[in-house]
Amino acid sequence: MTGRLPLTQPMAASVSTAAAATSRLFPSASQSKLFLSSSSTSASTSWSFSHRAPLPYLRSSPLISHLFLPERRRSNFASKSRFSTVTSFASDPKQLKSAREDIKELLGTKFCHPIMVRLGWHDAGTYDKNIEEWPQRGGANGSLRFEVELKHGANAGLVNALNLLQPIKDKYLGVTYADLFQLASATAIEEAGGPKIPMKYGRVDVPGPEQCPEEGRLPDAGPPSPPNHLRGVFYRMGLNDKEIVALSGAHTLGRSRPERSGWGKPETKYTKDGPGAPGGQSWTVQWLKFDNSYFKDVKEKMDEDLLVLPTDAVLFEDPSFKVYAEKYAEDQEAFFKDYAEAHAKLSNLGAKFEPPEGFSLDEGRTP
């Protein structure tokens, strides 16, 4: 005897009927998930531009990927002190730390540093300081996971970054997309040899695609007036000339692919063999190393295989921009300091934090 009562036939039939009904209401994950294929694991960093409509296979699919659905559960974690005060965390700090280690492994095998930087920037870069309400103001809120925003021309190819990060998100359910995107971006900079970014976490995700910002908030590569365009876009975010130039220095990483942005060569002697998917045109010779070579190469314009966009060239043409560009070309330490501060500021734009002050993953540092 095991001490368990056997099911009578009527009881067994009821359980069977209930199970069948449940299976109809809640289909298995294997039926509801759509796994996206990736043709590239490395792409240009920072802003990219395209007029093509990406992801036709997503729009035509009868299945809807879990990437583009509102999350069914919210990641809320409470920390209780001896005084019985409760702090709510949008992301579980322990899981976020573990996710950072997984991201480091991913970067070391896929060489996807540039596209991770771009993913974080494009999620945060929709922020409008003139709009107070969250999430209407845009910014770092995880909205870039939804198809409606991925279809924006400037986000062409970013589905590849989502493909790479989704297994990490699935593994750490207590981490928000908004935090994961910014964690991947900052970690990519650091792992490529760049400065330590003073990041804070606890960003809340928007619940659905209806909260995505309208298209047109990100910069263009070849506007009629590059300085006016850059200032119009970045001033709207609350950033200044120094921060515009410092952030532009992240083009030391990555490549521009003409099939996505309409800019650059199909391949050069620096990109034809990868690493990662070959092709595209880079801004620097060592396009997976974060340093100040971008400013040196843009200033010299000596190598036809290196890309210089109108929004790059203007950094040494506009009097205000030029002060900082010349400084960074000569002083990498100054560039690293200003870049780290600007990157951290960008990553916080528009975000709603839980707890309100955010939290750090690094011991002994307050956000």
Protein backbone atom coordinates (compact mmCIF):
# COMPACT_ATOMS: atom_id res chain seq x y z
CA MET A 1 0.00 0.00 0.00
CA THR A 2 1.26 3.44 -0.86
CA GLY A 3 -1.38 5.38 1.00
CA ARG A 4 -2.76 6.91 -2.24
CA LEU A 5 -6.41 6.51 -3.12
CA PRO A 6 -7.05 5.09 -6.59
CA LEU A 7 -9.09 7.18 -8.99
CA THR A 8 -12.54 5.89 -9.69
CA GLN A 9 -13.53 5.72 -13.34
CA PRO A 10 -15.75 8.86 -13.18
CA MET A 11 -12.98 10.79 -11.45
CA ALA A 12 -10.41 9.67 -14.02
CA ALA A 13 -12.70 10.69 -16.85
CA SER A 14 -13.13 14.15 -15.33
CA VAL A 15 -9.40 14.61 -14.99
CA SER A 16 -8.88 13.49 -18.57
CA THR A 17 -11.55 15.89 -19.84
CA ALA A 18 -10.07 18.77 -17.86
CA ALA A 19 -6.59 18.03 -19.18
CA ALA A 20 -7.83 17.99 -22.75
CA ALA A 21 -9.60 21.32 -22.26
CA THR A 22 -6.48 22.80 -20.72
CA SER A 23 -4.34 21.68 -23.63
CA ARG A 24 -6.70 23.43 -26.02
CA LEU A 25 -6.61 26.65 -24.00
CA PHE A 26 -2.84 26.64 -23.48
CA PRO A 27 -0.97 25.18 -26.45
CA SER A 28 2.57 24.03 -25.84
CA ALA A 29 5.50 26.39 -26.20
CA SER A 30 6.74 24.33 -29.12
CA GLN A 31 3.56 25.24 -31.00
CA SER A 32 3.51 28.91 -30.12
CA LYS A 33 7.17 29.91 -30.48
CA LEU A 34 8.68 31.05 -33.73
CA PHE A 35 12.46 30.78 -33.86
CA LEU A 36 14.06 33.40 -36.07
CA SER A 37 16.97 32.62 -38.32
CA SER A 38 19.97 34.90 -38.39
CA SER A 39 22.08 35.50 -41.44
CA SER A 40 24.53 37.72 -39.62
CA THR A 41 25.94 37.90 -36.15
CA SER A 42 27.93 41.07 -36.49
CA ALA A 43 26.78 44.40 -37.82
CA SER A 44 27.46 48.10 -37.74
CA THR A 45 27.37 49.82 -34.39
CA SER A 46 25.55 52.91 -33.26
CA TRP A 47 22.91 54.21 -35.65
CA SER A 48 22.14 52.55 -38.99
CA PHE A 49 19.74 53.59 -41.66
CA SER A 50 17.62 51.80 -44.20
CA HIS A 51 14.45 52.35 -46.17
CA ARG A 52 13.82 48.68 -46.65
CA ALA A 53 11.07 46.96 -44.68
CA PRO A 54 12.70 44.05 -42.80
CA LEU A 55 11.19 40.80 -41.61
CA PRO A 56 8.67 39.91 -44.33
CA TYR A 57 8.79 36.33 -43.09
CA LEU A 58 7.55 37.48 -39.69
CA ARG A 59 4.61 39.32 -41.15
CA SER A 60 3.58 36.36 -43.29
CA SER A 61 4.03 33.71 -40.63
CA PRO A 62 0.89 32.15 -39.10
CA LEU A 63 2.73 31.99 -35.79
CA ILE A 64 3.58 34.98 -33.63
CA SER A 65 6.98 34.93 -31.99
CA HIS A 66 7.24 35.31 -28.26
CA LEU A 67 9.71 38.09 -29.07
CA PHE A 68 6.86 40.34 -30.14
CA LEU A 69 4.19 39.53 -27.57
CA PRO A 70 3.48 41.40 -24.32
CA GLU A 71 5.04 39.51 -21.46
CA ARG A 72 2.50 37.39 -19.57
CA ARG A 73 4.32 37.78 -16.29
CA ARG A 74 6.12 40.73 -14.84
CA SER A 75 9.50 40.41 -13.23
CA ASN A 76 9.02 41.91 -9.79
CA PHE A 77 11.39 40.93 -7.04
CA ALA A 78 11.14 42.17 -3.48
CA SER A 79 14.01 42.59 -1.06
CA LYS A 80 13.01 42.82 2.61
CA SER A 81 15.24 44.38 5.26
CA ARG A 82 15.21 43.83 9.03
CA PHE A 83 13.04 46.95 9.28
CA SER A 84 10.39 45.26 7.08
CA THR A 85 10.75 47.75 4.24
CA VAL A 86 10.25 46.18 0.83
CA THR A 87 12.16 47.19 -2.31
CA SER A 88 10.79 46.12 -5.68
CA PHE A 89 13.25 45.26 -8.44
CA ALA A 90 12.20 45.22 -12.10
CA SER A 91 15.04 42.75 -12.72
CA ASP A 92 16.49 40.19 -10.33
CA PRO A 93 20.04 41.46 -9.60
CA LYS A 94 21.47 37.95 -9.23
CA GLN A 95 20.01 36.82 -12.54
CA LEU A 96 21.25 40.00 -14.21
CA LYS A 97 24.79 39.30 -13.00
CA SER A 98 24.61 35.77 -14.39
CA ALA A 99 23.23 37.11 -17.67
CA ARG A 100 26.26 39.40 -17.94
CA GLU A 101 28.57 36.38 -17.83
CA ASP A 102 26.54 34.67 -20.56
CA ILE A 103 26.75 37.83 -22.68
CA LYS A 104 30.54 37.82 -22.31
CA GLU A 105 30.63 34.25 -23.62
CA LEU A 106 28.36 35.22 -26.51
CA LEU A 107 30.60 38.14 -27.47
CA GLY A 108 33.65 35.91 -27.39
CA THR A 109 32.15 33.38 -29.81
CA LYS A 110 29.93 35.46 -32.12
CA PHE A 111 31.95 38.72 -32.34
CA CYS A 112 28.66 40.59 -32.08
CA HIS A 113 29.93 43.59 -30.09
CA PRO A 114 28.84 46.22 -32.66
CA ILE A 115 25.25 45.06 -33.05
CA MET A 116 24.80 44.81 -29.27
CA VAL A 117 25.94 48.42 -28.87
CA ARG A 118 23.51 49.42 -31.58
CA LEU A 119 20.63 47.51 -29.99
CA GLY A 120 21.01 49.34 -26.69
CA TRP A 121 21.39 52.70 -28.39
CA HIS A 122 18.34 52.26 -30.60
CA ASP A 123 16.12 51.24 -27.70
CA ALA A 124 17.19 54.29 -25.67
CA GLY A 125 17.59 56.75 -28.55
CA THR A 126 13.86 57.29 -29.12
CA TYR A 127 13.62 59.41 -25.97
CA ASP A 128 11.95 62.82 -26.17
CA LYS A 129 12.66 65.10 -23.20
CA ASN A 130 9.62 67.21 -24.10
CA ILE A 131 7.23 64.37 -23.21
CA GLU A 132 6.90 63.65 -19.49
CA GLU A 133 4.66 60.57 -19.51
CA TRP A 134 6.11 57.06 -19.49
CA PRO A 135 6.24 55.26 -21.86
CA GLN A 136 5.09 57.87 -24.41
CA ARG A 137 8.42 59.66 -23.98
CA GLY A 138 10.29 56.70 -25.47
CA GLY A 139 13.73 55.66 -24.29
CA ALA A 140 15.20 52.54 -22.72
CA ASN A 141 12.03 50.58 -22.06
CA GLY A 142 12.42 47.36 -24.08
CA SER A 143 9.98 48.40 -26.80
CA LEU A 144 12.47 47.45 -29.51
CA ARG A 145 11.56 43.79 -28.99
CA PHE A 146 8.25 44.34 -30.81
CA GLU A 147 7.90 43.87 -34.55
CA VAL A 148 6.29 47.26 -35.16
CA GLU A 149 9.45 49.02 -33.96
CA LEU A 150 11.86 46.52 -35.52
CA LYS A 151 10.27 47.42 -38.87
CA HIS A 152 11.51 51.00 -38.58
CA GLY A 153 14.10 51.62 -41.28
CA ALA A 154 16.85 52.60 -38.84
CA ASN A 155 16.47 49.25 -37.04
CA ALA A 156 17.17 47.04 -40.06
CA GLY A 157 19.07 43.93 -39.03
CA LEU A 158 18.53 44.30 -35.28
CA VAL A 159 16.42 41.15 -35.24
CA ASN A 160 19.80 39.37 -35.42
CA ALA A 161 20.72 40.87 -32.06
CA LEU A 162 17.41 39.73 -30.60
CA ASN A 163 18.03 36.23 -31.92
CA LEU A 164 21.34 36.13 -30.11
CA LEU A 165 19.98 37.46 -26.82
CA GLN A 166 16.70 35.55 -26.70
CA PRO A 167 18.19 32.32 -25.27
CA ILE A 168 19.68 34.39 -22.45
CA LYS A 169 16.32 36.07 -21.84
CA ASP A 170 14.62 32.67 -21.81
CA LYS A 171 17.18 31.41 -19.30
CA TYR A 172 16.79 34.39 -16.96
CA LEU A 173 13.07 35.12 -16.78
CA GLY A 174 13.67 37.61 -13.97
CA VAL A 175 15.50 40.03 -16.29
CA THR A 176 13.62 42.67 -18.28
CA TYR A 177 14.32 43.24 -21.95
CA ALA A 178 15.08 46.90 -21.20
CA ASP A 179 17.85 45.93 -18.78
CA LEU A 180 19.12 43.12 -21.00
CA PHE A 181 19.52 45.42 -24.01
CA GLN A 182 21.50 48.00 -22.03
CA LEU A 183 23.55 45.34 -20.24
CA ALA A 184 24.55 43.82 -23.59
CA SER A 185 25.47 47.23 -25.00
CA ALA A 186 27.67 48.27 -22.07
CA THR A 187 29.28 44.83 -21.77
CA ALA A 188 30.14 44.89 -25.49
CA ILE A 189 31.99 48.19 -25.07
CA GLU A 190 33.94 46.92 -22.08
CA GLU A 191 34.79 43.55 -23.63
CA ALA A 192 36.09 45.29 -26.77
CA GLY A 193 38.64 47.16 -24.68
CA GLY A 194 36.61 50.26 -23.91
CA PRO A 195 36.04 52.03 -20.60
CA LYS A 196 33.99 50.70 -17.71
CA ILE A 197 30.48 52.12 -18.06
CA PRO A 198 28.90 53.33 -14.78
CA MET A 199 25.61 51.55 -15.41
CA LYS A 200 22.53 51.21 -13.26
CA TYR A 201 19.68 48.73 -13.72
CA GLY A 202 16.06 48.15 -12.81
CA ARG A 203 14.41 49.31 -16.05
CA VAL A 204 10.76 48.41 -16.45
CA ASP A 205 9.54 46.95 -19.76
CA VAL A 206 6.64 48.42 -21.70
CA PRO A 207 3.89 45.78 -21.78
CA GLY A 208 2.90 45.84 -25.43
CA PRO A 209 3.60 47.08 -28.98
CA GLU A 210 1.06 49.88 -28.67
CA GLN A 211 3.63 51.66 -26.49
CA CYS A 212 6.28 51.70 -29.25
CA PRO A 213 7.35 55.18 -30.42
CA GLU A 214 6.58 56.44 -33.89
CA GLU A 215 9.23 56.06 -36.58
CA GLY A 216 11.65 58.90 -37.22
CA ARG A 217 13.23 59.58 -33.82
CA LEU A 218 16.66 58.14 -34.69
CA PRO A 219 19.37 59.97 -36.68
CA ASP A 220 19.96 59.75 -40.42
CA ALA A 221 23.41 59.24 -41.95
CA GLY A 222 23.19 61.72 -44.81
CA PRO A 223 20.85 64.59 -43.95
CA PRO A 224 20.96 67.87 -45.92
CA SER A 225 22.52 69.65 -42.93
CA PRO A 226 24.44 67.15 -40.80
CA PRO A 227 25.20 69.48 -37.84
CA ASN A 228 21.62 70.72 -37.60
CA HIS A 229 20.27 67.20 -37.90
CA LEU A 230 22.55 65.78 -35.22
CA ARG A 231 21.72 68.60 -32.84
CA GLY A 232 18.01 68.31 -33.55
CA VAL A 233 17.98 64.61 -32.70
CA PHE A 234 20.38 64.60 -29.76
CA TYR A 235 19.22 67.85 -28.20
CA ARG A 236 15.71 66.35 -28.17
CA MET A 237 17.17 63.62 -25.96
CA GLY A 238 18.79 66.18 -23.64
CA LEU A 239 22.35 65.56 -24.87
CA ASN A 240 24.92 68.25 -25.74
CA ASP A 241 27.68 68.75 -28.33
CA LYS A 242 30.35 67.01 -26.23
CA GLU A 243 28.12 63.98 -25.78
CA ILE A 244 27.25 63.90 -29.49
CA VAL A 245 30.93 63.73 -30.43
CA ALA A 246 31.85 61.26 -27.69
CA LEU A 247 29.04 58.89 -28.64
CA SER A 248 30.00 59.15 -32.31
CA GLY A 249 33.32 57.61 -31.29
CA ALA A 250 31.56 54.25 -30.85
CA HIS A 251 31.85 53.94 -34.63
CA THR A 252 35.31 52.67 -33.86
CA LEU A 253 33.36 49.39 -33.64
CA GLY A 254 31.46 47.80 -36.46
CA ARG A 255 30.65 48.08 -40.12
CA SER A 256 28.00 49.62 -42.35
CA ARG A 257 26.27 47.22 -44.73
CA PRO A 258 24.84 48.76 -47.90
CA GLU A 259 22.03 46.23 -48.10
CA ARG A 260 20.74 47.54 -44.79
CA SER A 261 21.69 51.19 -44.69
CA GLY A 262 22.47 52.15 -48.27
CA TRP A 263 25.93 53.27 -47.14
CA GLY A 264 29.36 51.74 -47.50
CA LYS A 265 31.00 49.13 -49.71
CA PRO A 266 29.88 45.49 -49.91
CA GLU A 267 33.28 44.49 -48.54
CA THR A 268 36.81 45.78 -48.03
CA LYS A 269 40.21 44.30 -47.29
CA TYR A 270 39.39 44.79 -43.60
CA THR A 271 36.01 43.03 -43.64
CA LYS A 272 36.09 40.40 -46.40
CA ASP A 273 37.23 37.66 -44.02
CA GLY A 274 35.14 38.59 -40.97
CA PRO A 275 35.31 37.81 -38.08
CA GLY A 276 31.64 37.02 -37.98
CA ALA A 277 29.76 37.30 -41.24
CA PRO A 278 32.10 38.85 -43.84
CA GLY A 279 31.39 42.07 -45.70
CA GLY A 280 30.45 45.68 -45.15
CA GLN A 281 32.69 48.70 -44.72
CA SER A 282 34.19 49.62 -41.36
CA TRP A 283 35.14 53.00 -39.96
CA THR A 284 38.41 51.65 -38.57
CA VAL A 285 40.95 48.96 -39.42
CA GLN A 286 40.45 47.01 -36.17
CA TRP A 287 36.69 47.31 -36.05
CA LEU A 288 36.24 45.05 -33.03
CA LYS A 289 38.61 47.08 -30.84
CA PHE A 290 37.30 50.06 -28.90
CA ASP A 291 39.79 52.91 -28.92
CA ASN A 292 40.11 56.45 -30.35
CA SER A 293 41.16 55.38 -33.84
CA TYR A 294 37.80 56.50 -35.26
CA PHE A 295 38.69 60.14 -34.65
CA LYS A 296 42.17 59.74 -36.09
CA ASP A 297 40.90 57.99 -39.24
CA VAL A 298 38.04 60.43 -39.86
CA LYS A 299 40.42 63.35 -39.46
CA GLU A 300 43.02 61.96 -41.86
CA LYS A 301 40.67 60.46 -44.50
CA MET A 302 43.68 58.64 -45.95
CA ASP A 303 42.21 55.18 -46.50
CA GLU A 304 39.51 54.62 -49.14
CA ASP A 305 38.56 51.34 -47.52
CA LEU A 306 37.46 53.14 -44.36
CA LEU A 307 34.01 54.67 -44.17
CA VAL A 308 33.39 58.36 -43.52
CA LEU A 309 29.71 59.37 -43.51
CA PRO A 310 28.55 62.99 -43.75
CA THR A 311 27.68 62.81 -40.05
CA ASP A 312 31.25 61.65 -39.35
CA ALA A 313 32.99 64.29 -41.42
CA VAL A 314 31.01 67.11 -39.80
CA LEU A 315 32.68 66.39 -36.46
CA PHE A 316 35.85 68.04 -37.82
CA GLU A 317 33.99 70.72 -39.78
CA ASP A 318 31.58 72.21 -37.27
CA PRO A 319 33.47 74.57 -34.92
CA SER A 320 31.86 73.31 -31.72
CA PHE A 321 32.08 69.62 -32.60
CA LYS A 322 35.67 70.03 -33.78
CA VAL A 323 36.92 71.07 -30.33
CA TYR A 324 35.98 67.68 -28.92
CA ALA A 325 36.87 65.62 -32.00
CA GLU A 326 40.40 67.07 -32.06
CA LYS A 327 40.74 66.43 -28.33
CA TYR A 328 39.66 62.80 -28.61
CA ALA A 329 41.94 62.15 -31.59
CA GLU A 330 44.89 63.19 -29.43
CA ASP A 331 43.82 61.95 -25.99
CA GLN A 332 42.27 58.48 -25.70
CA GLU A 333 41.96 58.75 -21.92
CA ALA A 334 39.83 61.89 -22.27
CA PHE A 335 37.69 60.15 -24.88
CA PHE A 336 37.16 57.11 -22.67
CA LYS A 337 36.10 59.27 -19.71
CA ASP A 338 33.61 61.33 -21.70
CA TYR A 339 32.33 58.33 -23.62
CA ALA A 340 31.61 56.31 -20.46
CA GLU A 341 29.60 59.18 -18.99
CA ALA A 342 27.68 59.79 -22.23
CA HIS A 343 26.92 56.09 -22.75
CA ALA A 344 25.57 55.74 -19.21
CA LYS A 345 23.42 58.85 -19.65
CA LEU A 346 22.02 57.58 -22.95
CA SER A 347 21.21 54.18 -21.45
CA ASN A 348 19.04 55.80 -18.76
CA LEU A 349 17.03 58.08 -21.03
CA GLY A 350 13.27 57.68 -20.63
CA ALA A 351 13.61 54.62 -18.41
CA LYS A 352 11.31 53.88 -15.50
CA PHE A 353 13.30 52.26 -12.70
CA GLU A 354 12.27 49.88 -9.95
CA PRO A 355 13.61 50.74 -7.44
CA PRO A 356 13.39 54.41 -8.52
CA GLU A 357 17.12 54.98 -7.89
CA GLY A 358 18.09 51.84 -9.80
CA PHE A 359 20.79 49.44 -8.66
CA SER A 360 24.38 48.60 -9.61
CA LEU A 361 25.85 45.20 -10.40
CA ASP A 362 29.26 46.26 -9.14
CA GLU A 363 30.20 45.96 -5.49
CA GLY A 364 30.71 49.20 -3.62
CA ARG A 365 29.25 51.46 -6.31
CA THR A 366 25.96 53.32 -5.99
CA PRO A 367 24.00 54.14 -9.14
